[in-house]
Amino acid sequence: TMADATGRALFARCGELGLAVGFMAFKGLARHAAEIEALMRESPKTLTIIDHWGFPVQPATGEGAAGGCADDGASLGTLLRLGREYPQCHVKLSALFRVSLDAYPHASLDAMFASVVEAFGARRCMWGSDFPFVMDHLPAAATTPAGAGSCAAEEAAAVEPYAAAPLALTSLPSFTALSTADQAAILGGTAARLFGFE
């Protein structure tokens, strides 16, 4: 298990070295919360990141309600509780297509986003795209760049749809209602601080 003697030693050592530890609970955060909490309680200085909103939609295929995905009933509540109770815990607001039951731009995530920011605060939230998997869930490029067929044109064609990835988050009403400082933290400041890029 993650919280056995080896896991506890590794987790504690990461804290001593100033390294953040990420948890990818692909089958839902609720299934792994007890072990993650045990590690955080024992090593409160170890910074922790819960990836992909804790995967509150299962299965996490990105196929939405039409693909048989549904709220798992426990993982979002677990994520919010961890955010309120453990100051070292952060959340990656990544892979919106995996945690939403509707298609891009995933407007139904607004209430969940607001509750996550309320529980964690913007300085413990960070956006992530889940590249390259997100590319299959973005709108196609609207135009073909001039000079199609060249390497530069192919790169430009790939960049254009990827530029839509953050818009799924930044277009949510609860995101636009945040202060400029909070928006900046979510879009890069939190990650820069956690990973030593400041």
N, C-alpha and C. Protein backbone atom coordinates (compact mmCIF):
# COMPACT_ATOMS: atom_id res chain seq x y z
N THR A 1 0.84 -1.19 0.00
CA THR A 1 0.00 0.00 0.00
C THR A 1 0.88 1.25 0.00
N MET A 2 0.28 2.38 -0.34
CA MET A 2 1.04 3.64 -0.39
C MET A 2 1.54 4.06 0.98
N ALA A 3 0.80 3.71 2.02
CA ALA A 3 1.15 4.18 3.36
C ALA A 3 1.90 3.12 4.17
N ASP A 4 2.55 2.17 3.49
CA ASP A 4 3.38 1.21 4.23
C ASP A 4 4.68 1.90 4.63
N ALA A 5 5.60 1.18 5.24
CA ALA A 5 6.83 1.78 5.75
C ALA A 5 7.63 2.46 4.64
N THR A 6 7.70 1.82 3.48
CA THR A 6 8.44 2.40 2.36
C THR A 6 7.76 3.67 1.87
N GLY A 7 6.45 3.61 1.70
CA GLY A 7 5.70 4.79 1.24
C GLY A 7 5.83 5.95 2.21
N ARG A 8 5.75 5.67 3.51
CA ARG A 8 5.87 6.74 4.51
C ARG A 8 7.26 7.36 4.47
N ALA A 9 8.27 6.51 4.32
CA ALA A 9 9.65 7.03 4.28
C ALA A 9 9.87 7.89 3.04
N LEU A 10 9.39 7.45 1.89
CA LEU A 10 9.54 8.22 0.65
C LEU A 10 8.79 9.55 0.74
N PHE A 11 7.58 9.50 1.26
CA PHE A 11 6.77 10.70 1.37
C PHE A 11 7.43 11.71 2.29
N ALA A 12 7.94 11.24 3.43
CA ALA A 12 8.61 12.13 4.38
C ALA A 12 9.87 12.72 3.76
N ARG A 13 10.64 11.90 3.04
CA ARG A 13 11.88 12.38 2.43
C ARG A 13 11.60 13.44 1.38
N CYS A 14 10.51 13.28 0.62
CA CYS A 14 10.13 14.31 -0.35
C CYS A 14 9.89 15.64 0.34
N GLY A 15 9.25 15.59 1.50
CA GLY A 15 9.02 16.82 2.27
C GLY A 15 10.33 17.45 2.70
N GLU A 16 11.27 16.64 3.14
CA GLU A 16 12.58 17.16 3.56
C GLU A 16 13.30 17.82 2.40
N LEU A 17 13.12 17.29 1.19
CA LEU A 17 13.78 17.82 0.00
C LEU A 17 13.01 18.94 -0.68
N GLY A 18 11.81 19.24 -0.17
CA GLY A 18 10.99 20.28 -0.77
C GLY A 18 10.32 19.86 -2.07
N LEU A 19 10.12 18.56 -2.25
CA LEU A 19 9.48 18.04 -3.46
C LEU A 19 8.00 17.78 -3.22
N ALA A 20 7.19 18.18 -4.16
CA ALA A 20 5.75 17.90 -4.08
C ALA A 20 5.48 16.48 -4.56
N VAL A 21 4.51 15.83 -3.93
CA VAL A 21 4.13 14.46 -4.30
C VAL A 21 2.73 14.51 -4.90
N GLY A 22 2.60 13.98 -6.11
CA GLY A 22 1.31 13.97 -6.78
C GLY A 22 0.63 12.61 -6.70
N PHE A 23 -0.69 12.62 -6.60
CA PHE A 23 -1.47 11.39 -6.56
C PHE A 23 -2.45 11.38 -7.73
N MET A 24 -2.35 10.35 -8.55
CA MET A 24 -3.22 10.17 -9.71
C MET A 24 -4.17 9.03 -9.39
N ALA A 25 -5.29 9.36 -8.78
CA ALA A 25 -6.27 8.37 -8.33
C ALA A 25 -7.26 8.09 -9.45
N PHE A 26 -6.80 7.43 -10.50
CA PHE A 26 -7.56 7.29 -11.74
C PHE A 26 -8.95 6.67 -11.53
N LYS A 27 -9.10 5.81 -10.54
CA LYS A 27 -10.40 5.18 -10.30
C LYS A 27 -11.21 5.89 -9.23
N GLY A 28 -10.81 7.12 -8.89
CA GLY A 28 -11.56 7.93 -7.93
C GLY A 28 -10.80 8.13 -6.63
N LEU A 29 -10.72 9.37 -6.20
CA LEU A 29 -9.97 9.73 -4.99
C LEU A 29 -10.50 9.03 -3.75
N ALA A 30 -11.79 8.83 -3.67
CA ALA A 30 -12.38 8.23 -2.46
C ALA A 30 -11.75 6.87 -2.13
N ARG A 31 -11.34 6.13 -3.16
CA ARG A 31 -10.75 4.80 -2.94
C ARG A 31 -9.39 4.85 -2.26
N HIS A 32 -8.71 6.00 -2.35
CA HIS A 32 -7.33 6.10 -1.85
C HIS A 32 -7.16 7.13 -0.74
N ALA A 33 -8.24 7.75 -0.34
CA ALA A 33 -8.16 8.86 0.61
C ALA A 33 -7.53 8.46 1.95
N ALA A 34 -7.86 7.31 2.47
CA ALA A 34 -7.34 6.93 3.79
C ALA A 34 -5.81 6.87 3.78
N GLU A 35 -5.24 6.29 2.73
CA GLU A 35 -3.78 6.19 2.66
C GLU A 35 -3.15 7.56 2.45
N ILE A 36 -3.73 8.37 1.59
CA ILE A 36 -3.19 9.71 1.35
C ILE A 36 -3.26 10.55 2.62
N GLU A 37 -4.37 10.45 3.32
CA GLU A 37 -4.49 11.19 4.58
C GLU A 37 -3.47 10.72 5.62
N ALA A 38 -3.25 9.42 5.69
CA ALA A 38 -2.27 8.89 6.65
C ALA A 38 -0.89 9.48 6.36
N LEU A 39 -0.53 9.56 5.10
CA LEU A 39 0.76 10.14 4.72
C LEU A 39 0.82 11.62 5.07
N MET A 40 -0.23 12.36 4.76
CA MET A 40 -0.22 13.80 5.04
C MET A 40 -0.21 14.08 6.54
N ARG A 41 -0.92 13.28 7.32
CA ARG A 41 -0.91 13.47 8.78
C ARG A 41 0.48 13.24 9.35
N GLU A 42 1.15 12.21 8.87
CA GLU A 42 2.46 11.86 9.41
C GLU A 42 3.55 12.83 8.94
N SER A 43 3.39 13.39 7.75
CA SER A 43 4.40 14.30 7.19
C SER A 43 3.72 15.58 6.69
N PRO A 44 3.30 16.44 7.60
CA PRO A 44 2.53 17.62 7.20
C PRO A 44 3.31 18.65 6.38
N LYS A 45 4.63 18.53 6.33
CA LYS A 45 5.41 19.47 5.54
C LYS A 45 5.56 19.03 4.08
N THR A 46 5.15 17.81 3.78
CA THR A 46 5.26 17.33 2.40
C THR A 46 4.10 17.88 1.58
N LEU A 47 4.43 18.68 0.57
CA LEU A 47 3.41 19.25 -0.29
C LEU A 47 2.80 18.15 -1.16
N THR A 48 1.49 18.18 -1.29
CA THR A 48 0.75 17.12 -1.96
C THR A 48 -0.11 17.71 -3.07
N ILE A 49 -0.21 16.99 -4.18
CA ILE A 49 -1.05 17.42 -5.31
C ILE A 49 -2.01 16.28 -5.66
N ILE A 50 -3.29 16.58 -5.69
CA ILE A 50 -4.30 15.64 -6.16
C ILE A 50 -4.55 15.97 -7.63
N ASP A 51 -4.28 15.03 -8.50
CA ASP A 51 -4.37 15.25 -9.93
C ASP A 51 -5.81 15.12 -10.44
N HIS A 52 -6.12 15.85 -11.52
CA HIS A 52 -7.38 15.71 -12.26
C HIS A 52 -8.62 15.79 -11.34
N TRP A 53 -8.61 16.77 -10.43
CA TRP A 53 -9.77 17.01 -9.56
C TRP A 53 -10.13 15.79 -8.71
N GLY A 54 -9.24 14.81 -8.59
CA GLY A 54 -9.54 13.60 -7.84
C GLY A 54 -10.42 12.61 -8.60
N PHE A 55 -10.56 12.81 -9.91
CA PHE A 55 -11.35 11.92 -10.77
C PHE A 55 -12.76 11.66 -10.21
N PRO A 56 -13.59 12.70 -10.10
CA PRO A 56 -14.93 12.49 -9.55
C PRO A 56 -15.92 11.85 -10.50
N VAL A 57 -15.54 11.71 -11.78
CA VAL A 57 -16.41 11.06 -12.77
C VAL A 57 -15.76 9.74 -13.16
N GLN A 58 -16.55 8.69 -13.12
CA GLN A 58 -16.05 7.36 -13.44
C GLN A 58 -16.95 6.69 -14.48
N PRO A 59 -16.39 5.91 -15.39
CA PRO A 59 -14.96 5.75 -15.63
C PRO A 59 -14.38 7.03 -16.22
N ALA A 60 -13.09 7.28 -15.98
CA ALA A 60 -12.44 8.53 -16.36
C ALA A 60 -11.96 8.49 -17.81
N THR A 61 -12.86 8.15 -18.71
CA THR A 61 -12.50 7.98 -20.11
C THR A 61 -12.62 9.26 -20.92
N GLY A 62 -13.33 10.25 -20.37
CA GLY A 62 -13.56 11.47 -21.12
C GLY A 62 -14.71 11.38 -22.09
N GLU A 63 -15.54 10.36 -21.96
CA GLU A 63 -16.66 10.18 -22.89
C GLU A 63 -17.95 10.82 -22.39
N GLY A 64 -17.94 11.39 -21.20
CA GLY A 64 -19.11 12.10 -20.69
C GLY A 64 -20.30 11.20 -20.44
N ALA A 65 -21.44 11.83 -20.19
CA ALA A 65 -22.67 11.09 -19.87
C ALA A 65 -23.08 10.18 -21.02
N ALA A 66 -22.85 10.62 -22.25
CA ALA A 66 -23.24 9.81 -23.40
C ALA A 66 -22.42 8.52 -23.48
N GLY A 67 -21.25 8.52 -22.87
CA GLY A 67 -20.39 7.34 -22.87
C GLY A 67 -20.54 6.49 -21.62
N GLY A 68 -21.57 6.75 -20.83
CA GLY A 68 -21.82 5.94 -19.64
C GLY A 68 -21.07 6.41 -18.41
N CYS A 69 -20.45 7.59 -18.44
CA CYS A 69 -19.74 8.11 -17.28
C CYS A 69 -20.74 8.76 -16.32
N ALA A 70 -20.39 8.75 -15.02
CA ALA A 70 -21.28 9.34 -14.02
C ALA A 70 -20.47 9.80 -12.83
N ASP A 71 -21.05 10.69 -12.05
CA ASP A 71 -20.44 11.13 -10.79
C ASP A 71 -20.26 9.89 -9.92
N ASP A 72 -19.06 9.72 -9.35
CA ASP A 72 -18.83 8.51 -8.55
C ASP A 72 -19.44 8.62 -7.16
N GLY A 73 -19.98 9.79 -6.82
CA GLY A 73 -20.72 9.93 -5.58
C GLY A 73 -19.90 10.19 -4.34
N ALA A 74 -18.58 10.11 -4.41
CA ALA A 74 -17.77 10.28 -3.20
C ALA A 74 -16.49 11.07 -3.41
N SER A 75 -15.91 11.01 -4.58
CA SER A 75 -14.57 11.59 -4.75
C SER A 75 -14.55 13.10 -4.66
N LEU A 76 -15.56 13.79 -5.17
CA LEU A 76 -15.56 15.25 -5.05
C LEU A 76 -15.65 15.65 -3.59
N GLY A 77 -16.53 15.03 -2.84
CA GLY A 77 -16.64 15.33 -1.41
C GLY A 77 -15.34 15.07 -0.68
N THR A 78 -14.67 14.00 -1.05
CA THR A 78 -13.37 13.68 -0.45
C THR A 78 -12.35 14.76 -0.78
N LEU A 79 -12.31 15.19 -2.04
CA LEU A 79 -11.39 16.24 -2.45
C LEU A 79 -11.63 17.52 -1.66
N LEU A 80 -12.87 17.93 -1.55
CA LEU A 80 -13.19 19.16 -0.83
C LEU A 80 -12.79 19.06 0.64
N ARG A 81 -13.01 17.92 1.24
CA ARG A 81 -12.62 17.73 2.64
C ARG A 81 -11.11 17.81 2.81
N LEU A 82 -10.36 17.17 1.90
CA LEU A 82 -8.90 17.23 1.97
C LEU A 82 -8.42 18.67 1.83
N GLY A 83 -9.05 19.42 0.94
CA GLY A 83 -8.68 20.82 0.76
C GLY A 83 -8.91 21.65 2.00
N ARG A 84 -10.00 21.38 2.71
CA ARG A 84 -10.30 22.14 3.94
C ARG A 84 -9.43 21.72 5.11
N GLU A 85 -9.08 20.43 5.19
CA GLU A 85 -8.40 19.91 6.38
C GLU A 85 -6.88 19.85 6.30
N TYR A 86 -6.31 19.87 5.10
CA TYR A 86 -4.86 19.68 4.96
C TYR A 86 -4.26 20.84 4.17
N PRO A 87 -3.63 21.79 4.86
CA PRO A 87 -3.07 22.97 4.17
C PRO A 87 -1.99 22.65 3.16
N GLN A 88 -1.35 21.48 3.28
CA GLN A 88 -0.29 21.14 2.32
C GLN A 88 -0.86 20.51 1.05
N CYS A 89 -2.15 20.29 1.00
CA CYS A 89 -2.78 19.62 -0.13
C CYS A 89 -3.18 20.63 -1.20
N HIS A 90 -2.82 20.33 -2.45
CA HIS A 90 -3.13 21.14 -3.62
C HIS A 90 -3.94 20.30 -4.60
N VAL A 91 -4.58 20.95 -5.56
CA VAL A 91 -5.35 20.21 -6.57
C VAL A 91 -5.00 20.71 -7.96
N LYS A 92 -4.84 19.77 -8.87
CA LYS A 92 -4.59 20.11 -10.26
C LYS A 92 -5.92 20.07 -11.00
N LEU A 93 -6.31 21.22 -11.52
CA LEU A 93 -7.56 21.35 -12.27
C LEU A 93 -7.27 21.02 -13.73
N SER A 94 -7.01 19.76 -13.95
CA SER A 94 -6.57 19.28 -15.26
C SER A 94 -7.57 18.31 -15.84
N ALA A 95 -7.41 18.04 -17.13
CA ALA A 95 -8.23 17.05 -17.82
C ALA A 95 -9.71 17.31 -17.63
N LEU A 96 -10.14 18.53 -17.95
CA LEU A 96 -11.55 18.86 -17.78
C LEU A 96 -12.46 17.90 -18.52
N PHE A 97 -11.99 17.37 -19.63
CA PHE A 97 -12.80 16.43 -20.40
C PHE A 97 -13.01 15.12 -19.64
N ARG A 98 -12.14 14.79 -18.70
CA ARG A 98 -12.29 13.55 -17.92
C ARG A 98 -13.22 13.73 -16.71
N VAL A 99 -13.39 14.96 -16.26
CA VAL A 99 -14.17 15.18 -15.05
C VAL A 99 -15.51 15.85 -15.32
N SER A 100 -15.82 16.06 -16.60
CA SER A 100 -17.07 16.70 -16.98
C SER A 100 -18.00 15.68 -17.65
N LEU A 101 -19.28 15.86 -17.44
CA LEU A 101 -20.26 15.01 -18.10
C LEU A 101 -20.76 15.62 -19.40
N ASP A 102 -20.30 16.85 -19.72
CA ASP A 102 -20.68 17.46 -20.98
C ASP A 102 -19.44 17.76 -21.82
N ALA A 103 -19.66 18.03 -23.09
CA ALA A 103 -18.57 18.24 -24.03
C ALA A 103 -17.93 19.62 -23.84
N TYR A 104 -16.79 19.81 -24.50
CA TYR A 104 -16.11 21.10 -24.49
C TYR A 104 -17.10 22.19 -24.86
N PRO A 105 -17.13 23.30 -24.15
CA PRO A 105 -16.17 23.78 -23.15
C PRO A 105 -16.48 23.39 -21.71
N HIS A 106 -17.26 22.35 -21.48
CA HIS A 106 -17.49 21.77 -20.15
C HIS A 106 -18.12 22.78 -19.18
N ALA A 107 -19.14 23.46 -19.65
CA ALA A 107 -19.78 24.51 -18.85
C ALA A 107 -20.36 23.98 -17.54
N SER A 108 -20.68 22.69 -17.50
CA SER A 108 -21.29 22.12 -16.29
C SER A 108 -20.30 22.08 -15.12
N LEU A 109 -19.03 22.33 -15.37
CA LEU A 109 -18.03 22.27 -14.29
C LEU A 109 -18.01 23.53 -13.42
N ASP A 110 -18.80 24.52 -13.75
CA ASP A 110 -18.73 25.79 -13.03
C ASP A 110 -18.95 25.63 -11.53
N ALA A 111 -20.00 24.93 -11.13
CA ALA A 111 -20.29 24.78 -9.70
C ALA A 111 -19.19 23.98 -9.00
N MET A 112 -18.68 22.94 -9.66
CA MET A 112 -17.60 22.16 -9.06
C MET A 112 -16.35 23.01 -8.91
N PHE A 113 -16.02 23.79 -9.94
CA PHE A 113 -14.86 24.67 -9.86
C PHE A 113 -15.00 25.62 -8.67
N ALA A 114 -16.16 26.25 -8.53
CA ALA A 114 -16.37 27.19 -7.43
C ALA A 114 -16.18 26.51 -6.07
N SER A 115 -16.69 25.30 -5.93
CA SER A 115 -16.56 24.60 -4.64
C SER A 115 -15.12 24.20 -4.36
N VAL A 116 -14.37 23.85 -5.39
CA VAL A 116 -12.96 23.48 -5.21
C VAL A 116 -12.14 24.70 -4.80
N VAL A 117 -12.36 25.82 -5.48
CA VAL A 117 -11.61 27.03 -5.12
C VAL A 117 -11.98 27.49 -3.72
N GLU A 118 -13.24 27.34 -3.33
CA GLU A 118 -13.64 27.70 -1.97
C GLU A 118 -12.93 26.83 -0.94
N ALA A 119 -12.81 25.54 -1.20
CA ALA A 119 -12.19 24.61 -0.25
C ALA A 119 -10.67 24.77 -0.18
N PHE A 120 -10.03 25.01 -1.33
CA PHE A 120 -8.58 25.05 -1.39
C PHE A 120 -8.00 26.47 -1.36
N GLY A 121 -8.74 27.42 -1.90
CA GLY A 121 -8.16 28.73 -2.15
C GLY A 121 -7.38 28.67 -3.46
N ALA A 122 -7.33 29.78 -4.18
CA ALA A 122 -6.70 29.78 -5.51
C ALA A 122 -5.22 29.42 -5.45
N ARG A 123 -4.54 29.75 -4.35
CA ARG A 123 -3.09 29.49 -4.27
C ARG A 123 -2.77 28.02 -4.08
N ARG A 124 -3.80 27.18 -3.94
CA ARG A 124 -3.56 25.74 -3.88
C ARG A 124 -4.24 25.01 -5.04
N CYS A 125 -4.61 25.78 -6.07
CA CYS A 125 -5.20 25.21 -7.28
C CYS A 125 -4.30 25.53 -8.46
N MET A 126 -4.18 24.59 -9.40
CA MET A 126 -3.41 24.87 -10.61
C MET A 126 -4.05 24.19 -11.81
N TRP A 127 -4.06 24.92 -12.91
CA TRP A 127 -4.61 24.39 -14.15
C TRP A 127 -3.60 23.46 -14.82
N GLY A 128 -4.13 22.45 -15.49
CA GLY A 128 -3.32 21.57 -16.32
C GLY A 128 -4.19 21.04 -17.44
N SER A 129 -3.58 20.70 -18.57
CA SER A 129 -4.38 20.34 -19.74
C SER A 129 -4.63 18.84 -19.92
N ASP A 130 -3.73 18.01 -19.42
CA ASP A 130 -3.68 16.58 -19.72
C ASP A 130 -3.28 16.36 -21.18
N PHE A 131 -2.32 17.15 -21.63
CA PHE A 131 -1.75 16.98 -22.97
C PHE A 131 -0.96 15.67 -23.00
N PRO A 132 -1.00 14.88 -24.04
CA PRO A 132 -1.64 15.14 -25.34
C PRO A 132 -3.07 14.65 -25.43
N PHE A 133 -3.57 14.00 -24.37
CA PHE A 133 -4.90 13.38 -24.43
C PHE A 133 -6.00 14.40 -24.67
N VAL A 134 -5.80 15.63 -24.17
CA VAL A 134 -6.81 16.67 -24.35
C VAL A 134 -7.05 16.98 -25.83
N MET A 135 -6.08 16.72 -26.67
CA MET A 135 -6.20 17.08 -28.08
C MET A 135 -7.38 16.40 -28.76
N ASP A 136 -7.76 15.23 -28.28
CA ASP A 136 -8.90 14.52 -28.87
C ASP A 136 -10.24 15.09 -28.43
N HIS A 137 -10.22 16.08 -27.52
CA HIS A 137 -11.46 16.60 -26.96
C HIS A 137 -11.62 18.10 -27.16
N LEU A 138 -10.77 18.68 -28.01
CA LEU A 138 -10.83 20.11 -28.29
C LEU A 138 -11.49 20.33 -29.65
N PRO A 139 -12.06 21.53 -29.86
CA PRO A 139 -12.63 21.81 -31.18
C PRO A 139 -11.53 21.85 -32.23
N ALA A 140 -11.84 21.42 -33.43
CA ALA A 140 -10.87 21.42 -34.52
C ALA A 140 -10.52 22.85 -34.90
N ALA A 141 -9.32 23.03 -35.45
CA ALA A 141 -8.91 24.37 -35.89
C ALA A 141 -9.91 24.90 -36.91
N ALA A 142 -10.25 26.15 -36.79
CA ALA A 142 -11.27 26.74 -37.68
C ALA A 142 -10.73 27.02 -39.06
N THR A 143 -9.43 27.25 -39.16
CA THR A 143 -8.85 27.57 -40.46
C THR A 143 -7.59 26.78 -40.68
N THR A 144 -7.18 26.66 -41.93
CA THR A 144 -5.92 26.02 -42.28
C THR A 144 -4.90 27.12 -42.51
N PRO A 145 -3.77 27.11 -41.79
CA PRO A 145 -2.80 28.19 -41.95
C PRO A 145 -2.26 28.25 -43.38
N ALA A 146 -1.83 29.45 -43.77
CA ALA A 146 -1.21 29.63 -45.08
C ALA A 146 0.03 28.77 -45.17
N GLY A 147 0.30 28.24 -46.35
CA GLY A 147 1.48 27.40 -46.51
C GLY A 147 1.26 25.99 -46.00
N ALA A 148 0.02 25.54 -46.00
CA ALA A 148 -0.28 24.19 -45.50
C ALA A 148 0.61 23.17 -46.19
N GLY A 149 1.07 22.22 -45.41
CA GLY A 149 1.96 21.20 -45.94
C GLY A 149 3.38 21.37 -45.43
N SER A 150 3.75 22.58 -45.03
CA SER A 150 5.08 22.79 -44.47
C SER A 150 5.10 22.38 -43.02
N CYS A 151 6.31 22.15 -42.48
CA CYS A 151 6.42 21.78 -41.06
C CYS A 151 5.86 22.89 -40.18
N ALA A 152 6.17 24.15 -40.52
CA ALA A 152 5.69 25.28 -39.72
C ALA A 152 4.16 25.32 -39.73
N ALA A 153 3.56 25.05 -40.89
CA ALA A 153 2.10 25.07 -40.97
C ALA A 153 1.49 23.94 -40.16
N GLU A 154 2.12 22.78 -40.17
CA GLU A 154 1.61 21.66 -39.38
C GLU A 154 1.70 21.97 -37.89
N GLU A 155 2.80 22.60 -37.47
CA GLU A 155 2.93 22.98 -36.06
C GLU A 155 1.86 24.00 -35.68
N ALA A 156 1.65 24.99 -36.54
CA ALA A 156 0.64 26.01 -36.27
C ALA A 156 -0.74 25.39 -36.18
N ALA A 157 -1.02 24.42 -37.04
CA ALA A 157 -2.33 23.76 -37.03
C ALA A 157 -2.53 22.98 -35.73
N ALA A 158 -1.44 22.44 -35.17
CA ALA A 158 -1.55 21.71 -33.91
C ALA A 158 -1.71 22.66 -32.74
N VAL A 159 -1.04 23.82 -32.79
CA VAL A 159 -1.11 24.78 -31.68
C VAL A 159 -2.48 25.41 -31.59
N GLU A 160 -3.11 25.69 -32.71
CA GLU A 160 -4.39 26.41 -32.68
C GLU A 160 -5.45 25.69 -31.85
N PRO A 161 -5.71 24.39 -32.05
CA PRO A 161 -6.71 23.76 -31.19
C PRO A 161 -6.25 23.67 -29.73
N TYR A 162 -4.92 23.48 -29.49
CA TYR A 162 -4.45 23.39 -28.11
C TYR A 162 -4.68 24.70 -27.36
N ALA A 163 -4.65 25.81 -28.07
CA ALA A 163 -4.89 27.10 -27.44
C ALA A 163 -6.28 27.17 -26.83
N ALA A 164 -7.19 26.30 -27.26
CA ALA A 164 -8.54 26.27 -26.70
C ALA A 164 -8.59 25.56 -25.35
N ALA A 165 -7.56 24.80 -25.00
CA ALA A 165 -7.59 24.00 -23.76
C ALA A 165 -7.82 24.85 -22.52
N PRO A 166 -7.07 25.93 -22.29
CA PRO A 166 -7.33 26.71 -21.07
C PRO A 166 -8.66 27.46 -21.10
N LEU A 167 -9.20 27.69 -22.30
CA LEU A 167 -10.46 28.43 -22.39
C LEU A 167 -11.60 27.69 -21.73
N ALA A 168 -11.52 26.37 -21.66
CA ALA A 168 -12.57 25.61 -20.98
C ALA A 168 -12.66 26.00 -19.51
N LEU A 169 -11.52 26.33 -18.91
CA LEU A 169 -11.51 26.77 -17.51
C LEU A 169 -11.77 28.27 -17.42
N THR A 170 -11.04 29.05 -18.21
CA THR A 170 -11.10 30.51 -18.06
C THR A 170 -12.43 31.10 -18.51
N SER A 171 -13.24 30.32 -19.23
CA SER A 171 -14.56 30.82 -19.64
C SER A 171 -15.65 30.53 -18.60
N LEU A 172 -15.34 29.76 -17.57
CA LEU A 172 -16.34 29.47 -16.55
C LEU A 172 -16.68 30.75 -15.79
N PRO A 173 -17.94 31.03 -15.53
CA PRO A 173 -18.30 32.25 -14.79
C PRO A 173 -17.61 32.36 -13.43
N SER A 174 -17.43 31.24 -12.74
CA SER A 174 -16.77 31.30 -11.43
C SER A 174 -15.29 31.64 -11.55
N PHE A 175 -14.68 31.32 -12.70
CA PHE A 175 -13.29 31.71 -12.92
C PHE A 175 -13.21 33.21 -13.21
N THR A 176 -14.06 33.69 -14.09
CA THR A 176 -14.00 35.10 -14.46
C THR A 176 -14.34 36.00 -13.28
N ALA A 177 -15.06 35.48 -12.28
CA ALA A 177 -15.41 36.28 -11.10
C ALA A 177 -14.24 36.40 -10.11
N LEU A 178 -13.19 35.61 -10.29
CA LEU A 178 -12.05 35.67 -9.39
C LEU A 178 -11.22 36.93 -9.63
N SER A 179 -10.44 37.31 -8.64
CA SER A 179 -9.53 38.44 -8.81
C SER A 179 -8.45 38.08 -9.82
N THR A 180 -7.81 39.09 -10.35
CA THR A 180 -6.72 38.86 -11.30
C THR A 180 -5.61 38.04 -10.65
N ALA A 181 -5.33 38.30 -9.38
CA ALA A 181 -4.28 37.56 -8.67
C ALA A 181 -4.64 36.09 -8.53
N ASP A 182 -5.89 35.80 -8.21
CA ASP A 182 -6.33 34.41 -8.07
C ASP A 182 -6.29 33.69 -9.42
N GLN A 183 -6.71 34.37 -10.47
CA GLN A 183 -6.65 33.77 -11.80
C GLN A 183 -5.20 33.45 -12.17
N ALA A 184 -4.29 34.36 -11.87
CA ALA A 184 -2.88 34.15 -12.19
C ALA A 184 -2.30 32.99 -11.39
N ALA A 185 -2.73 32.84 -10.16
CA ALA A 185 -2.25 31.72 -9.34
C ALA A 185 -2.67 30.40 -9.98
N ILE A 186 -3.93 30.29 -10.36
CA ILE A 186 -4.44 29.04 -10.94
C ILE A 186 -3.77 28.74 -12.28
N LEU A 187 -3.55 29.76 -13.08
CA LEU A 187 -3.02 29.54 -14.43
C LEU A 187 -1.50 29.39 -14.48
N GLY A 188 -0.82 29.55 -13.36
CA GLY A 188 0.64 29.37 -13.41
C GLY A 188 1.36 29.62 -12.11
N GLY A 189 0.86 30.54 -11.32
CA GLY A 189 1.57 30.91 -10.09
C GLY A 189 1.71 29.78 -9.10
N THR A 190 0.66 29.01 -8.90
CA THR A 190 0.72 27.88 -7.96
C THR A 190 1.73 26.86 -8.42
N ALA A 191 1.70 26.51 -9.69
CA ALA A 191 2.66 25.53 -10.23
C ALA A 191 4.08 26.06 -10.12
N ALA A 192 4.28 27.34 -10.43
CA ALA A 192 5.63 27.92 -10.34
C ALA A 192 6.17 27.82 -8.92
N ARG A 193 5.32 28.10 -7.94
CA ARG A 193 5.75 28.01 -6.55
C ARG A 193 6.04 26.57 -6.13
N LEU A 194 5.14 25.66 -6.47
CA LEU A 194 5.33 24.26 -6.07
C LEU A 194 6.56 23.63 -6.69
N PHE A 195 6.82 23.96 -7.94
CA PHE A 195 7.91 23.31 -8.67
C PHE A 195 9.17 24.13 -8.74
N GLY A 196 9.21 25.25 -7.99
CA GLY A 196 10.42 26.04 -7.89
C GLY A 196 10.75 26.84 -9.12
N PHE A 197 9.74 27.29 -9.87
CA PHE A 197 9.99 28.08 -11.08
C PHE A 197 9.92 29.57 -10.82
N GLU A 198 9.59 29.98 -9.60
CA GLU A 198 9.45 31.41 -9.32
C GLU A 198 10.82 32.08 -9.36
